[in-house]
Amino acid sequence: MGRLWEGTINQVIDHVGSLKETYGVDEFVFWHHVGYYPQEEELAMLEAFAEVIKAVK
């Protein structure tokens, strides 16, 4: 199982940013099971992670 991020968008941005700085990671993968959550939740998660990606580019 991969890393599960929980919390606000800003908390996830801070955590991803610290991983990027500490380990020099420059690629992150957003993996989720299509159809596991209702479509509205899936889209909300994708939009939220898009904010994380924009912030740590």
C-alpha atoms as a PDB file:
ATOM      1  CA  MET A   1       0.000   0.000   0.000  1.00  0.00           C
ATOM      2  CA  GLY A   2       1.202   3.455  -0.795  1.00  0.00           C
ATOM      3  CA  ARG A   3       1.308   6.502   1.431  1.00  0.00           C
ATOM      4  CA  LEU A   4      -2.092   7.769   2.518  1.00  0.00           C
ATOM      5  CA  TRP A   5      -2.385  11.509   3.001  1.00  0.00           C
ATOM      6  CA  GLU A   6      -5.038  12.890   5.284  1.00  0.00           C
ATOM      7  CA  GLY A   7      -5.758  16.391   6.474  1.00  0.00           C
ATOM      8  CA  THR A   8      -6.290  19.731   4.836  1.00  0.00           C
ATOM      9  CA  ILE A   9      -4.844  20.579   1.443  1.00  0.00           C
ATOM     10  CA  ASN A  10      -2.264  22.789   3.185  1.00  0.00           C
ATOM     11  CA  GLN A  11      -1.218  19.945   5.497  1.00  0.00           C
ATOM     12  CA  VAL A  12      -0.730  17.631   2.522  1.00  0.00           C
ATOM     13  CA  ILE A  13       1.201  20.346   0.663  1.00  0.00           C
ATOM     14  CA  ASP A  14       3.489  20.729   3.681  1.00  0.00           C
ATOM     15  CA  HIS A  15       4.038  16.985   3.941  1.00  0.00           C
ATOM     16  CA  VAL A  16       4.676  16.459   0.233  1.00  0.00           C
ATOM     17  CA  GLY A  17       6.961  19.499   0.223  1.00  0.00           C
ATOM     18  CA  SER A  18       8.984  18.112   3.124  1.00  0.00           C
ATOM     19  CA  LEU A  19       9.363  14.757   1.342  1.00  0.00           C
ATOM     20  CA  LYS A  20      10.474  16.584  -1.788  1.00  0.00           C
ATOM     21  CA  GLU A  21      13.095  18.572   0.133  1.00  0.00           C
ATOM     22  CA  THR A  22      14.295  15.756   2.405  1.00  0.00           C
ATOM     23  CA  TYR A  23      14.593  13.032  -0.214  1.00  0.00           C
ATOM     24  CA  GLY A  24      14.847  14.994  -3.435  1.00  0.00           C
ATOM     25  CA  VAL A  25      11.738  13.330  -4.801  1.00  0.00           C
ATOM     26  CA  ASP A  26      10.459  15.065  -7.909  1.00  0.00           C
ATOM     27  CA  GLU A  27       7.591  12.741  -8.866  1.00  0.00           C
ATOM     28  CA  PHE A  28       4.517  11.746  -6.910  1.00  0.00           C
ATOM     29  CA  VAL A  29       1.737   9.451  -8.050  1.00  0.00           C
ATOM     30  CA  PHE A  30      -1.907   9.842  -7.164  1.00  0.00           C
ATOM     31  CA  TRP A  31      -3.290   6.340  -7.169  1.00  0.00           C
ATOM     32  CA  HIS A  32      -6.877   5.535  -6.362  1.00  0.00           C
ATOM     33  CA  HIS A  33      -9.391   2.844  -7.159  1.00  0.00           C
ATOM     34  CA  VAL A  34     -11.772   4.019  -9.846  1.00  0.00           C
ATOM     35  CA  GLY A  35     -15.330   3.268  -8.857  1.00  0.00           C
ATOM     36  CA  TYR A  36     -14.513   2.713  -5.176  1.00  0.00           C
ATOM     37  CA  TYR A  37     -15.983   6.083  -4.193  1.00  0.00           C
ATOM     38  CA  PRO A  38     -18.931   7.881  -5.748  1.00  0.00           C
ATOM     39  CA  GLN A  39     -17.945   9.978  -8.771  1.00  0.00           C
ATOM     40  CA  GLU A  40     -18.433  13.275  -6.882  1.00  0.00           C
ATOM     41  CA  GLU A  41     -15.921  12.174  -4.227  1.00  0.00           C
ATOM     42  CA  GLU A  42     -13.463  10.938  -6.870  1.00  0.00           C
ATOM     43  CA  LEU A  43     -13.564  14.287  -8.660  1.00  0.00           C
ATOM     44  CA  ALA A  44     -13.183  16.196  -5.394  1.00  0.00           C
ATOM     45  CA  MET A  45     -10.087  14.142  -4.501  1.00  0.00           C
ATOM     46  CA  LEU A  46      -8.577  14.739  -7.940  1.00  0.00           C
ATOM     47  CA  GLU A  47      -9.229  18.474  -7.684  1.00  0.00           C
ATOM     48  CA  ALA A  48      -7.720  18.592  -4.186  1.00  0.00           C
ATOM     49  CA  PHE A  49      -4.581  16.755  -5.275  1.00  0.00           C
ATOM     50  CA  ALA A  50      -4.294  19.084  -8.276  1.00  0.00           C
ATOM     51  CA  GLU A  51      -3.879  21.907  -5.734  1.00  0.00           C
ATOM     52  CA  VAL A  52      -1.049  19.957  -4.091  1.00  0.00           C
ATOM     53  CA  ILE A  53       0.654  19.422  -7.442  1.00  0.00           C
ATOM     54  CA  LYS A  54       0.424  23.128  -8.296  1.00  0.00           C
ATOM     55  CA  ALA A  55       1.912  24.087  -4.943  1.00  0.00           C
ATOM     56  CA  VAL A  56       4.934  21.779  -5.050  1.00  0.00           C
ATOM     57  CA  LYS A  57       5.862  22.163  -8.740  1.00  0.00           C
END
